[in-house]
Amino acid sequence: MLDIAKRAAVVIVAAVIADGIVQAQISAPVPDTYAFLYSRYVDVKGARQRLPFTSISITYGGCLGTCPRYTATLNLNGSATYDGKASVERKGRFTGLVSIGDFGQLSLLIERSGFMKLSGGYGVSGTDLETVTVCVTRRNGETKMVMNNGSAAPPEVWVLERALAGVVSRIEWRPATTSKISSAESVRTC
């Protein structure tokens, strides 16, 4: 019975119509890899073994003004690192934990958006435009980097950037000491 429920799991998007009627749109079925996201009981170890990505990172490269400059890396093992440089609340290196649910949702978003097939860079002319870089690493070590200069990337990249920033903002960050950060947890840049 649980297997059937996992296979039948779907994501439902609701839209409110002007007269107050709610219409539900059902998107494609959720692949078995992500069924745990919509299950009552989560086998965290099993979920980690099935997810296709080992790390997801975002770098806000700043601008000539007050654009934030930081890098955050979320790892499949649940560890997270943050390195704040300028125009951010936290400056310096920090560590935290990312939930399997958040990492799984980001992974599903990456797959559904076709992120791994996107161009490596998007940009517009200008000298003072923020550049945001998202890097995703697969289990086989393949890394995809997408640079978005001046918000020129397709909306799929914008959504992923915002989702990543949202997850990063909810992590309980603690100041890092050199001995606490292993090489596997170090702040990555592509």
C-alpha atoms as a PDB file:
ATOM      1  CA  MET A   1       0.000   0.000   0.000  1.00  0.00           C
ATOM      2  CA  LEU A   2       2.812   2.426   0.891  1.00  0.00           C
ATOM      3  CA  ASP A   3       4.542   1.682  -2.442  1.00  0.00           C
ATOM      4  CA  ILE A   4       1.380   2.569  -4.343  1.00  0.00           C
ATOM      5  CA  ALA A   5       1.055   5.796  -2.357  1.00  0.00           C
ATOM      6  CA  LYS A   6       4.658   6.736  -3.164  1.00  0.00           C
ATOM      7  CA  ARG A   7       4.218   6.100  -6.884  1.00  0.00           C
ATOM      8  CA  ALA A   8       0.977   8.035  -6.963  1.00  0.00           C
ATOM      9  CA  ALA A   9       2.373  11.067  -5.119  1.00  0.00           C
ATOM     10  CA  VAL A  10       1.812  14.253  -7.087  1.00  0.00           C
ATOM     11  CA  VAL A  11       2.472  17.908  -6.563  1.00  0.00           C
ATOM     12  CA  ILE A  12      -0.687  19.999  -6.492  1.00  0.00           C
ATOM     13  CA  VAL A  13      -0.672  23.677  -7.411  1.00  0.00           C
ATOM     14  CA  ALA A  14      -3.773  25.661  -6.460  1.00  0.00           C
ATOM     15  CA  ALA A  15      -4.933  28.842  -8.150  1.00  0.00           C
ATOM     16  CA  VAL A  16      -7.710  31.102  -6.858  1.00  0.00           C
ATOM     17  CA  ILE A  17     -10.178  32.168  -9.507  1.00  0.00           C
ATOM     18  CA  ALA A  18     -11.768  35.667  -9.337  1.00  0.00           C
ATOM     19  CA  ASP A  19     -15.115  34.398  -8.021  1.00  0.00           C
ATOM     20  CA  GLY A  20     -13.426  32.600  -5.118  1.00  0.00           C
ATOM     21  CA  ILE A  21     -13.400  29.111  -6.616  1.00  0.00           C
ATOM     22  CA  VAL A  22     -10.161  27.240  -6.126  1.00  0.00           C
ATOM     23  CA  GLN A  23      -8.968  25.209  -9.084  1.00  0.00           C
ATOM     24  CA  ALA A  24      -6.320  22.549  -8.524  1.00  0.00           C
ATOM     25  CA  GLN A  25      -3.817  21.719 -11.215  1.00  0.00           C
ATOM     26  CA  ILE A  26      -1.965  18.451 -10.836  1.00  0.00           C
ATOM     27  CA  SER A  27       1.556  18.428 -12.202  1.00  0.00           C
ATOM     28  CA  ALA A  28       3.492  15.381 -13.323  1.00  0.00           C
ATOM     29  CA  PRO A  29       3.781  12.495 -10.870  1.00  0.00           C
ATOM     30  CA  VAL A  30       6.706  12.751  -8.486  1.00  0.00           C
ATOM     31  CA  PRO A  31       9.515  10.319  -9.393  1.00  0.00           C
ATOM     32  CA  ASP A  32      10.120   7.534  -6.868  1.00  0.00           C
ATOM     33  CA  THR A  33      13.404   9.197  -5.887  1.00  0.00           C
ATOM     34  CA  TYR A  34      11.428  12.100  -4.403  1.00  0.00           C
ATOM     35  CA  ALA A  35       8.378  10.273  -3.031  1.00  0.00           C
ATOM     36  CA  PHE A  36       9.767  10.683   0.503  1.00  0.00           C
ATOM     37  CA  LEU A  37       9.023  14.421   0.237  1.00  0.00           C
ATOM     38  CA  TYR A  38       5.304  13.659   0.280  1.00  0.00           C
ATOM     39  CA  SER A  39       5.362  10.696   2.643  1.00  0.00           C
ATOM     40  CA  ARG A  40       4.393  10.671   6.282  1.00  0.00           C
ATOM     41  CA  TYR A  41       7.467   8.645   7.273  1.00  0.00           C
ATOM     42  CA  VAL A  42      10.895   9.482   5.901  1.00  0.00           C
ATOM     43  CA  ASP A  43      13.798   7.063   5.718  1.00  0.00           C
ATOM     44  CA  VAL A  44      16.514   9.742   5.774  1.00  0.00           C
ATOM     45  CA  LYS A  45      19.371   7.344   5.027  1.00  0.00           C
ATOM     46  CA  GLY A  46      17.459   5.798   2.125  1.00  0.00           C
ATOM     47  CA  ALA A  47      16.491   9.216   0.784  1.00  0.00           C
ATOM     48  CA  ARG A  48      20.132  10.341   0.852  1.00  0.00           C
ATOM     49  CA  GLN A  49      21.157   7.200  -1.023  1.00  0.00           C
ATOM     50  CA  ARG A  50      18.657   7.893  -3.825  1.00  0.00           C
ATOM     51  CA  LEU A  51      19.082  11.621  -4.420  1.00  0.00           C
ATOM     52  CA  PRO A  52      21.138  12.397  -7.553  1.00  0.00           C
ATOM     53  CA  PHE A  53      23.070  15.428  -6.297  1.00  0.00           C
ATOM     54  CA  THR A  54      25.780  15.665  -3.636  1.00  0.00           C
ATOM     55  CA  SER A  55      26.055  19.436  -3.307  1.00  0.00           C
ATOM     56  CA  ILE A  56      24.211  22.580  -4.303  1.00  0.00           C
ATOM     57  CA  SER A  57      25.847  25.972  -3.887  1.00  0.00           C
ATOM     58  CA  ILE A  58      25.013  29.579  -4.566  1.00  0.00           C
ATOM     59  CA  THR A  59      27.357  32.534  -4.773  1.00  0.00           C
ATOM     60  CA  TYR A  60      26.146  36.108  -4.750  1.00  0.00           C
ATOM     61  CA  GLY A  61      29.076  37.976  -6.285  1.00  0.00           C
ATOM     62  CA  GLY A  62      28.097  41.467  -5.259  1.00  0.00           C
ATOM     63  CA  CYS A  63      28.219  44.645  -7.311  1.00  0.00           C
ATOM     64  CA  LEU A  64      29.748  48.101  -6.952  1.00  0.00           C
ATOM     65  CA  GLY A  65      26.985  49.020  -4.497  1.00  0.00           C
ATOM     66  CA  THR A  66      25.384  47.105  -1.638  1.00  0.00           C
ATOM     67  CA  CYS A  67      24.593  43.797  -3.362  1.00  0.00           C
ATOM     68  CA  PRO A  68      25.306  40.861  -1.035  1.00  0.00           C
ATOM     69  CA  ARG A  69      28.542  38.876  -1.409  1.00  0.00           C
ATOM     70  CA  TYR A  70      28.436  35.367  -0.002  1.00  0.00           C
ATOM     71  CA  THR A  71      28.719  31.698  -0.877  1.00  0.00           C
ATOM     72  CA  ALA A  72      26.586  28.975   0.686  1.00  0.00           C
ATOM     73  CA  THR A  73      26.971  25.269   0.021  1.00  0.00           C
ATOM     74  CA  LEU A  74      24.401  22.643   0.949  1.00  0.00           C
ATOM     75  CA  ASN A  75      25.573  19.035   1.038  1.00  0.00           C
ATOM     76  CA  LEU A  76      23.657  15.788   0.678  1.00  0.00           C
ATOM     77  CA  ASN A  77      25.039  14.586   4.040  1.00  0.00           C
ATOM     78  CA  GLY A  78      23.132  17.430   5.739  1.00  0.00           C
ATOM     79  CA  SER A  79      26.064  19.752   6.327  1.00  0.00           C
ATOM     80  CA  ALA A  80      26.005  23.337   5.116  1.00  0.00           C
ATOM     81  CA  THR A  81      28.667  26.029   4.932  1.00  0.00           C
ATOM     82  CA  TYR A  82      28.419  29.771   4.511  1.00  0.00           C
ATOM     83  CA  ASP A  83      31.088  32.370   3.811  1.00  0.00           C
ATOM     84  CA  GLY A  84      29.824  35.958   4.081  1.00  0.00           C
ATOM     85  CA  LYS A  85      31.977  38.672   2.540  1.00  0.00           C
ATOM     86  CA  ALA A  86      30.089  41.985   2.267  1.00  0.00           C
ATOM     87  CA  SER A  87      26.627  43.555   2.525  1.00  0.00           C
ATOM     88  CA  VAL A  88      25.351  40.561   4.505  1.00  0.00           C
ATOM     89  CA  GLU A  89      24.144  40.034   8.060  1.00  0.00           C
ATOM     90  CA  ARG A  90      26.771  37.330   8.699  1.00  0.00           C
ATOM     91  CA  LYS A  91      30.391  37.969   7.750  1.00  0.00           C
ATOM     92  CA  GLY A  92      32.911  35.172   7.950  1.00  0.00           C
ATOM     93  CA  ARG A  93      32.611  31.400   7.868  1.00  0.00           C
ATOM     94  CA  PHE A  94      29.674  29.531   9.365  1.00  0.00           C
ATOM     95  CA  THR A  95      28.374  25.971   9.455  1.00  0.00           C
ATOM     96  CA  GLY A  96      24.865  24.612   9.791  1.00  0.00           C
ATOM     97  CA  LEU A  97      22.543  21.777   8.882  1.00  0.00           C
ATOM     98  CA  VAL A  98      20.219  21.483   5.912  1.00  0.00           C
ATOM     99  CA  SER A  99      17.227  19.159   6.202  1.00  0.00           C
ATOM    100  CA  ILE A 100      16.802  16.234   3.839  1.00  0.00           C
ATOM    101  CA  GLY A 101      13.428  17.727   2.915  1.00  0.00           C
ATOM    102  CA  ASP A 102      14.940  21.036   1.811  1.00  0.00           C
ATOM    103  CA  PHE A 103      17.795  19.333  -0.043  1.00  0.00           C
ATOM    104  CA  GLY A 104      15.298  16.969  -1.693  1.00  0.00           C
ATOM    105  CA  GLN A 105      12.972  19.795  -2.774  1.00  0.00           C
ATOM    106  CA  LEU A 106      15.902  21.700  -4.276  1.00  0.00           C
ATOM    107  CA  SER A 107      17.053  18.532  -6.058  1.00  0.00           C
ATOM    108  CA  LEU A 108      13.576  17.983  -7.502  1.00  0.00           C
ATOM    109  CA  LEU A 109      13.468  21.614  -8.634  1.00  0.00           C
ATOM    110  CA  ILE A 110      16.873  21.216 -10.313  1.00  0.00           C
ATOM    111  CA  GLU A 111      15.694  18.129 -12.194  1.00  0.00           C
ATOM    112  CA  ARG A 112      12.320  19.546 -13.215  1.00  0.00           C
ATOM    113  CA  SER A 113      13.782  22.862 -14.370  1.00  0.00           C
ATOM    114  CA  GLY A 114      16.319  21.221 -16.684  1.00  0.00           C
ATOM    115  CA  PHE A 115      19.092  23.106 -14.878  1.00  0.00           C
ATOM    116  CA  MET A 116      21.803  20.609 -15.864  1.00  0.00           C
ATOM    117  CA  LYS A 117      21.086  21.307 -19.561  1.00  0.00           C
ATOM    118  CA  LEU A 118      21.109  25.118 -19.332  1.00  0.00           C
ATOM    119  CA  SER A 119      23.849  27.307 -20.729  1.00  0.00           C
ATOM    120  CA  GLY A 120      26.749  28.003 -18.373  1.00  0.00           C
ATOM    121  CA  GLY A 121      26.257  31.737 -18.388  1.00  0.00           C
ATOM    122  CA  TYR A 122      23.751  34.480 -19.048  1.00  0.00           C
ATOM    123  CA  GLY A 123      24.496  38.165 -19.004  1.00  0.00           C
ATOM    124  CA  VAL A 124      23.813  41.659 -20.166  1.00  0.00           C
ATOM    125  CA  SER A 125      26.142  44.575 -20.810  1.00  0.00           C
ATOM    126  CA  GLY A 126      26.930  46.735 -17.823  1.00  0.00           C
ATOM    127  CA  THR A 127      29.568  47.310 -15.194  1.00  0.00           C
ATOM    128  CA  ASP A 128      27.552  47.325 -11.976  1.00  0.00           C
ATOM    129  CA  LEU A 129      25.326  44.279 -12.275  1.00  0.00           C
ATOM    130  CA  GLU A 130      25.029  41.539  -9.699  1.00  0.00           C
ATOM    131  CA  THR A 131      26.239  38.082 -10.700  1.00  0.00           C
ATOM    132  CA  VAL A 132      24.690  35.053  -9.033  1.00  0.00           C
ATOM    133  CA  THR A 133      26.270  31.646  -9.636  1.00  0.00           C
ATOM    134  CA  VAL A 134      24.585  28.338  -8.877  1.00  0.00           C
ATOM    135  CA  CYS A 135      26.642  25.131  -8.880  1.00  0.00           C
ATOM    136  CA  VAL A 136      25.247  21.623  -8.674  1.00  0.00           C
ATOM    137  CA  THR A 137      27.322  18.457  -8.346  1.00  0.00           C
ATOM    138  CA  ARG A 138      26.015  15.000  -9.299  1.00  0.00           C
ATOM    139  CA  ARG A 139      27.022  11.770  -7.582  1.00  0.00           C
ATOM    140  CA  ASN A 140      29.395  10.977 -10.464  1.00  0.00           C
ATOM    141  CA  GLY A 141      31.291  14.226  -9.813  1.00  0.00           C
ATOM    142  CA  GLU A 142      29.858  16.117 -12.804  1.00  0.00           C
ATOM    143  CA  THR A 143      29.401  19.756 -11.845  1.00  0.00           C
ATOM    144  CA  LYS A 144      27.137  22.225 -13.594  1.00  0.00           C
ATOM    145  CA  MET A 145      27.661  25.941 -13.045  1.00  0.00           C
ATOM    146  CA  VAL A 146      25.256  28.616 -14.236  1.00  0.00           C
ATOM    147  CA  MET A 147      26.262  32.267 -13.932  1.00  0.00           C
ATOM    148  CA  ASN A 148      23.454  34.821 -14.030  1.00  0.00           C
ATOM    149  CA  ASN A 149      24.755  38.343 -14.607  1.00  0.00           C
ATOM    150  CA  GLY A 150      22.202  41.119 -14.425  1.00  0.00           C
ATOM    151  CA  SER A 151      19.264  38.710 -14.022  1.00  0.00           C
ATOM    152  CA  ALA A 152      19.524  37.708 -17.699  1.00  0.00           C
ATOM    153  CA  ALA A 153      18.992  33.957 -17.116  1.00  0.00           C
ATOM    154  CA  PRO A 154      15.719  32.155 -17.840  1.00  0.00           C
ATOM    155  CA  PRO A 155      13.062  32.163 -15.091  1.00  0.00           C
ATOM    156  CA  GLU A 156      14.010  28.605 -14.060  1.00  0.00           C
ATOM    157  CA  VAL A 157      17.330  29.967 -12.805  1.00  0.00           C
ATOM    158  CA  TRP A 158      15.632  32.858 -11.006  1.00  0.00           C
ATOM    159  CA  VAL A 159      13.313  30.426  -9.205  1.00  0.00           C
ATOM    160  CA  LEU A 160      16.206  28.181  -8.175  1.00  0.00           C
ATOM    161  CA  GLU A 161      18.209  31.183  -6.913  1.00  0.00           C
ATOM    162  CA  ARG A 162      15.279  32.336  -4.792  1.00  0.00           C
ATOM    163  CA  ALA A 163      14.590  28.834  -3.467  1.00  0.00           C
ATOM    164  CA  LEU A 164      18.248  28.383  -2.510  1.00  0.00           C
ATOM    165  CA  ALA A 165      18.370  31.798  -0.832  1.00  0.00           C
ATOM    166  CA  GLY A 166      15.221  30.875   1.106  1.00  0.00           C
ATOM    167  CA  VAL A 167      16.709  27.610   2.368  1.00  0.00           C
ATOM    168  CA  VAL A 168      19.979  29.356   3.260  1.00  0.00           C
ATOM    169  CA  SER A 169      18.081  32.013   5.239  1.00  0.00           C
ATOM    170  CA  ARG A 170      16.345  29.350   7.379  1.00  0.00           C
ATOM    171  CA  ILE A 171      19.489  27.486   8.398  1.00  0.00           C
ATOM    172  CA  GLU A 172      20.703  28.044  11.942  1.00  0.00           C
ATOM    173  CA  TRP A 173      24.268  29.172  11.241  1.00  0.00           C
ATOM    174  CA  ARG A 174      27.043  28.861  13.829  1.00  0.00           C
ATOM    175  CA  PRO A 175      30.498  30.444  13.571  1.00  0.00           C
ATOM    176  CA  ALA A 176      32.922  27.913  12.133  1.00  0.00           C
ATOM    177  CA  THR A 177      36.305  27.024  13.435  1.00  0.00           C
ATOM    178  CA  THR A 178      38.923  25.586  11.124  1.00  0.00           C
ATOM    179  CA  SER A 179      38.846  22.272  12.969  1.00  0.00           C
ATOM    180  CA  LYS A 180      35.053  22.004  12.518  1.00  0.00           C
ATOM    181  CA  ILE A 181      35.107  22.285   8.723  1.00  0.00           C
ATOM    182  CA  SER A 182      36.254  19.147   6.945  1.00  0.00           C
ATOM    183  CA  SER A 183      37.377  19.256   3.332  1.00  0.00           C
ATOM    184  CA  ALA A 184      34.040  17.700   2.324  1.00  0.00           C
ATOM    185  CA  GLU A 185      32.203  20.557   4.033  1.00  0.00           C
ATOM    186  CA  SER A 186      34.349  23.449   2.872  1.00  0.00           C
ATOM    187  CA  VAL A 187      32.679  26.344   1.129  1.00  0.00           C
ATOM    188  CA  ARG A 188      32.752  25.503  -2.569  1.00  0.00           C
ATOM    189  CA  THR A 189      32.961  27.748  -5.526  1.00  0.00           C
ATOM    190  CA  CYS A 190      32.844  26.374  -9.059  1.00  0.00           C
END
